[in-house]
Protein backbone atom coordinates (compact mmCIF):
# COMPACT_ATOMS: atom_id res chain seq x y z
CA MET A 1 -62.32 27.34 -67.96
CA LYS A 2 -65.41 26.75 -65.85
CA THR A 3 -66.24 23.34 -64.46
CA GLU A 4 -69.52 21.62 -65.23
CA LYS A 5 -70.65 22.30 -61.67
CA GLU A 6 -69.96 26.04 -62.01
CA ILE A 7 -71.77 26.18 -65.34
CA GLU A 8 -74.79 24.43 -63.85
CA GLU A 9 -74.82 26.88 -60.93
CA TYR A 10 -74.78 29.81 -63.38
CA ARG A 11 -77.65 28.28 -65.35
CA LYS A 12 -79.68 27.81 -62.19
CA GLU A 13 -78.99 31.39 -61.07
CA ILE A 14 -79.97 32.77 -64.48
CA GLU A 15 -83.19 30.73 -64.52
CA GLU A 16 -84.14 31.99 -61.04
CA TYR A 17 -83.45 35.58 -62.12
CA ARG A 18 -85.53 35.11 -65.28
CA LYS A 19 -88.47 33.76 -63.24
CA GLU A 20 -88.28 36.73 -60.88
CA ILE A 21 -88.29 39.22 -63.76
CA GLU A 22 -91.16 37.40 -65.50
CA GLU A 23 -93.20 37.58 -62.27
CA ARG A 24 -92.51 41.30 -61.98
CA LEU A 25 -93.54 41.76 -65.61
CA VAL A 26 -96.86 40.03 -64.99
CA LYS A 27 -97.49 42.11 -61.85
CA ALA A 28 -96.44 45.41 -63.44
CA GLU A 29 -99.20 47.99 -63.33
CA SER A 30 -97.77 50.62 -65.64
CA MET A 31 -96.76 50.41 -69.28
CA ASP A 32 -93.36 51.88 -68.45
CA ALA A 33 -92.68 49.10 -65.94
CA MET A 34 -93.77 46.47 -68.45
CA LYS A 35 -91.43 47.91 -71.08
CA TYR A 36 -88.60 47.99 -68.56
CA TYR A 37 -88.99 44.33 -67.59
CA GLN A 38 -89.36 43.29 -71.24
CA GLY A 39 -86.09 45.11 -71.90
CA VAL A 40 -84.43 43.31 -69.01
CA LEU A 41 -85.52 39.92 -70.40
CA ARG A 42 -84.40 40.89 -73.90
CA THR A 43 -81.00 41.97 -72.59
CA LEU A 44 -80.65 38.77 -70.59
CA ASP A 45 -81.34 36.73 -73.73
CA TRP A 46 -78.83 38.80 -75.69
CA VAL A 47 -76.13 38.33 -73.05
CA ILE A 48 -76.71 34.57 -72.89
CA THR A 49 -77.12 33.83 -76.60
CA GLY A 50 -75.40 36.76 -78.32
CA ILE A 51 -78.48 37.10 -80.53
CA ASP A 52 -80.56 40.28 -80.47
CA VAL A 53 -84.19 39.23 -80.58
């Protein structure tokens, strides 16, 4: 079982990754890139919550 400190580190790492992907989504110039980054965010949410949005 993970310690509270490890869990908090994972949460921080996930939040940093989400911010990076959101920035790339905003800066994306092509529709294909936008769809890709939206898919990455959707997958990240699914992995974290287990709910397909």
